Amino acid sequence: MSQPDFQRWLETNGTSAGLVAAGQQLFIQLGCAGCHGGNGTVRAPSLAGLYKSPVPLSDGTTVIADEKYLRDSILFPKKQIVASFKPVMPSFNGKISDADLEKLLAYIKSLGSERPR
């Protein structure tokens, strides 16, 4: 891989625009935007700037929203509940393919790593 190509890869967190776009489509299609989008009717944590940010949990601990945390939150959402939120998210374990999960992760990562203030 050439240096300019590698730099481009780094700037997009190693994800391609196509993967991110497919993840955004799934985010809408699976209903994620209904709760996690800006106009969600259910109170759920915002995903803007979530990746690599600290997340306070209901048990008093804090975790970093790395790829494992994001993956677990999609597949096993009741495993680590975000502080001040109810555990209402459904599990997608066995409901989406590994390929679709990778697309969703790429989209969530593309939302940045700095939380809005």
C-alpha atoms as a PDB file:
ATOM      1  CA  MET A   1       0.000   0.000   0.000  1.00  0.00           C
ATOM      2  CA  SER A   2       1.404   3.388  -0.947  1.00  0.00           C
ATOM      3  CA  GLN A   3       1.947   6.061   1.708  1.00  0.00           C
ATOM      4  CA  PRO A   4      -0.900   8.292   0.398  1.00  0.00           C
ATOM      5  CA  ASP A   5      -3.261   5.289   0.327  1.00  0.00           C
ATOM      6  CA  PHE A   6      -2.232   4.324   3.850  1.00  0.00           C
ATOM      7  CA  GLN A   7      -2.791   7.896   5.063  1.00  0.00           C
ATOM      8  CA  ARG A   8      -6.263   7.916   3.495  1.00  0.00           C
ATOM      9  CA  TRP A   9      -6.993   4.597   5.217  1.00  0.00           C
ATOM     10  CA  LEU A  10      -5.896   6.026   8.579  1.00  0.00           C
ATOM     11  CA  GLU A  11      -8.053   9.116   8.136  1.00  0.00           C
ATOM     12  CA  THR A  12     -11.161   6.988   7.682  1.00  0.00           C
ATOM     13  CA  ASN A  13     -10.364   4.696  10.647  1.00  0.00           C
ATOM     14  CA  GLY A  14      -9.506   1.951   8.181  1.00  0.00           C
ATOM     15  CA  THR A  15     -13.010   1.892   6.747  1.00  0.00           C
ATOM     16  CA  SER A  16     -14.075   2.501   3.201  1.00  0.00           C
ATOM     17  CA  ALA A  17     -16.727   5.012   2.261  1.00  0.00           C
ATOM     18  CA  GLY A  18     -18.809   2.173   0.816  1.00  0.00           C
ATOM     19  CA  LEU A  19     -18.752   0.275   4.100  1.00  0.00           C
ATOM     20  CA  VAL A  20     -19.755   3.404   6.026  1.00  0.00           C
ATOM     21  CA  ALA A  21     -22.591   4.177   3.587  1.00  0.00           C
ATOM     22  CA  ALA A  22     -23.867   0.598   3.841  1.00  0.00           C
ATOM     23  CA  GLY A  23     -23.699   0.878   7.635  1.00  0.00           C
ATOM     24  CA  GLN A  24     -25.685   4.101   7.559  1.00  0.00           C
ATOM     25  CA  GLN A  25     -28.360   2.379   5.458  1.00  0.00           C
ATOM     26  CA  LEU A  26     -28.533  -0.485   7.971  1.00  0.00           C
ATOM     27  CA  PHE A  27     -28.670   1.998  10.855  1.00  0.00           C
ATOM     28  CA  ILE A  28     -31.847   3.420   9.337  1.00  0.00           C
ATOM     29  CA  GLN A  29     -33.246   0.111   8.077  1.00  0.00           C
ATOM     30  CA  LEU A  30     -32.859  -1.691  11.421  1.00  0.00           C
ATOM     31  CA  GLY A  31     -34.515   1.172  13.297  1.00  0.00           C
ATOM     32  CA  CYS A  32     -31.386   2.313  15.144  1.00  0.00           C
ATOM     33  CA  ALA A  33     -31.960   5.917  14.052  1.00  0.00           C
ATOM     34  CA  GLY A  34     -35.363   5.922  15.757  1.00  0.00           C
ATOM     35  CA  CYS A  35     -33.672   5.847  19.157  1.00  0.00           C
ATOM     36  CA  HIS A  36     -30.063   6.901  18.559  1.00  0.00           C
ATOM     37  CA  GLY A  37     -30.704   9.499  15.845  1.00  0.00           C
ATOM     38  CA  GLY A  38     -31.036  13.180  16.611  1.00  0.00           C
ATOM     39  CA  ASN A  39     -34.835  13.046  16.486  1.00  0.00           C
ATOM     40  CA  GLY A  40     -35.338   9.752  18.302  1.00  0.00           C
ATOM     41  CA  THR A  41     -38.601   9.299  20.188  1.00  0.00           C
ATOM     42  CA  VAL A  42     -37.044   6.892  22.700  1.00  0.00           C
ATOM     43  CA  ARG A  43     -34.361   8.296  24.979  1.00  0.00           C
ATOM     44  CA  ALA A  44     -31.131   6.531  24.008  1.00  0.00           C
ATOM     45  CA  PRO A  45     -27.460   7.548  24.091  1.00  0.00           C
ATOM     46  CA  SER A  46     -26.253   9.608  21.154  1.00  0.00           C
ATOM     47  CA  LEU A  47     -23.687   7.867  18.983  1.00  0.00           C
ATOM     48  CA  ALA A  48     -22.133  11.109  17.711  1.00  0.00           C
ATOM     49  CA  GLY A  49     -18.529  11.130  18.849  1.00  0.00           C
ATOM     50  CA  LEU A  50     -18.986   7.904  20.795  1.00  0.00           C
ATOM     51  CA  TYR A  51     -16.100   5.884  19.342  1.00  0.00           C
ATOM     52  CA  LYS A  52     -13.066   5.856  21.669  1.00  0.00           C
ATOM     53  CA  SER A  53     -14.866   8.052  24.218  1.00  0.00           C
ATOM     54  CA  PRO A  54     -15.473   7.234  27.894  1.00  0.00           C
ATOM     55  CA  VAL A  55     -18.933   5.849  28.681  1.00  0.00           C
ATOM     56  CA  PRO A  56     -20.241   5.954  32.265  1.00  0.00           C
ATOM     57  CA  LEU A  57     -22.182   2.789  33.110  1.00  0.00           C
ATOM     58  CA  SER A  58     -25.093   2.239  35.485  1.00  0.00           C
ATOM     59  CA  ASP A  59     -22.889   0.137  37.802  1.00  0.00           C
ATOM     60  CA  GLY A  60     -20.658   3.158  38.465  1.00  0.00           C
ATOM     61  CA  THR A  61     -17.782   2.063  36.223  1.00  0.00           C
ATOM     62  CA  THR A  62     -16.605   3.755  33.045  1.00  0.00           C
ATOM     63  CA  VAL A  63     -15.504   2.028  29.851  1.00  0.00           C
ATOM     64  CA  ILE A  64     -13.994   3.268  26.615  1.00  0.00           C
ATOM     65  CA  ALA A  65     -16.259   2.833  23.600  1.00  0.00           C
ATOM     66  CA  ASP A  66     -13.822   0.735  21.590  1.00  0.00           C
ATOM     67  CA  GLU A  67     -14.833  -1.758  18.914  1.00  0.00           C
ATOM     68  CA  LYS A  68     -15.458  -4.535  21.460  1.00  0.00           C
ATOM     69  CA  TYR A  69     -17.767  -2.288  23.485  1.00  0.00           C
ATOM     70  CA  LEU A  70     -19.704  -1.267  20.352  1.00  0.00           C
ATOM     71  CA  ARG A  71     -19.991  -4.881  19.186  1.00  0.00           C
ATOM     72  CA  ASP A  72     -21.168  -6.067  22.619  1.00  0.00           C
ATOM     73  CA  SER A  73     -23.633  -3.174  22.856  1.00  0.00           C
ATOM     74  CA  ILE A  74     -25.266  -4.236  19.585  1.00  0.00           C
ATOM     75  CA  LEU A  75     -25.263  -7.974  20.242  1.00  0.00           C
ATOM     76  CA  PHE A  76     -25.715  -7.993  24.040  1.00  0.00           C
ATOM     77  CA  PRO A  77     -27.114  -4.550  24.958  1.00  0.00           C
ATOM     78  CA  LYS A  78     -28.016  -5.451  28.542  1.00  0.00           C
ATOM     79  CA  LYS A  79     -24.405  -6.437  29.331  1.00  0.00           C
ATOM     80  CA  GLN A  80     -23.262  -2.858  30.029  1.00  0.00           C
ATOM     81  CA  ILE A  81     -26.048  -0.312  30.551  1.00  0.00           C
ATOM     82  CA  VAL A  82     -25.169   3.346  30.031  1.00  0.00           C
ATOM     83  CA  ALA A  83     -25.768   5.423  33.169  1.00  0.00           C
ATOM     84  CA  SER A  84     -29.099   7.290  33.232  1.00  0.00           C
ATOM     85  CA  PHE A  85     -30.624   5.105  30.503  1.00  0.00           C
ATOM     86  CA  LYS A  86     -33.069   2.220  30.740  1.00  0.00           C
ATOM     87  CA  PRO A  87     -32.111  -1.166  29.227  1.00  0.00           C
ATOM     88  CA  VAL A  88     -34.642  -1.044  26.387  1.00  0.00           C
ATOM     89  CA  MET A  89     -32.429  -1.787  23.379  1.00  0.00           C
ATOM     90  CA  PRO A  90     -33.179  -5.136  21.732  1.00  0.00           C
ATOM     91  CA  SER A  91     -30.402  -7.643  21.119  1.00  0.00           C
ATOM     92  CA  PHE A  92     -29.263  -8.118  17.535  1.00  0.00           C
ATOM     93  CA  ASN A  93     -27.399 -11.331  18.379  1.00  0.00           C
ATOM     94  CA  GLY A  94     -28.382 -13.878  15.725  1.00  0.00           C
ATOM     95  CA  LYS A  95     -30.432 -11.252  13.876  1.00  0.00           C
ATOM     96  CA  ILE A  96     -27.712  -9.632  11.777  1.00  0.00           C
ATOM     97  CA  SER A  97     -24.818 -11.169   9.913  1.00  0.00           C
ATOM     98  CA  ASP A  98     -21.176 -10.572  10.811  1.00  0.00           C
ATOM     99  CA  ALA A  99     -20.846  -8.602   7.561  1.00  0.00           C
ATOM    100  CA  ASP A 100     -23.749  -6.328   8.512  1.00  0.00           C
ATOM    101  CA  LEU A 101     -22.335  -5.899  12.003  1.00  0.00           C
ATOM    102  CA  GLU A 102     -19.041  -4.746  10.462  1.00  0.00           C
ATOM    103  CA  LYS A 103     -20.963  -2.211   8.356  1.00  0.00           C
ATOM    104  CA  LEU A 104     -22.771  -0.855  11.417  1.00  0.00           C
ATOM    105  CA  LEU A 105     -19.487  -0.600  13.311  1.00  0.00           C
ATOM    106  CA  ALA A 106     -17.884   1.268  10.403  1.00  0.00           C
ATOM    107  CA  TYR A 107     -20.766   3.750  10.382  1.00  0.00           C
ATOM    108  CA  ILE A 108     -20.681   4.311  14.149  1.00  0.00           C
ATOM    109  CA  LYS A 109     -16.900   4.820  14.053  1.00  0.00           C
ATOM    110  CA  SER A 110     -17.349   7.337  11.231  1.00  0.00           C
ATOM    111  CA  LEU A 111     -19.444   9.505  13.554  1.00  0.00           C
ATOM    112  CA  GLY A 112     -16.200  10.592  15.193  1.00  0.00           C
ATOM    113  CA  SER A 113     -14.422  10.214  18.481  1.00  0.00           C
ATOM    114  CA  GLU A 114     -15.141  13.588  20.062  1.00  0.00           C
ATOM    115  CA  ARG A 115     -18.396  13.995  21.947  1.00  0.00           C
ATOM    116  CA  PRO A 116     -20.395  17.179  21.235  1.00  0.00           C
ATOM    117  CA  ARG A 117     -20.392  19.579  24.155  1.00  0.00           C
END
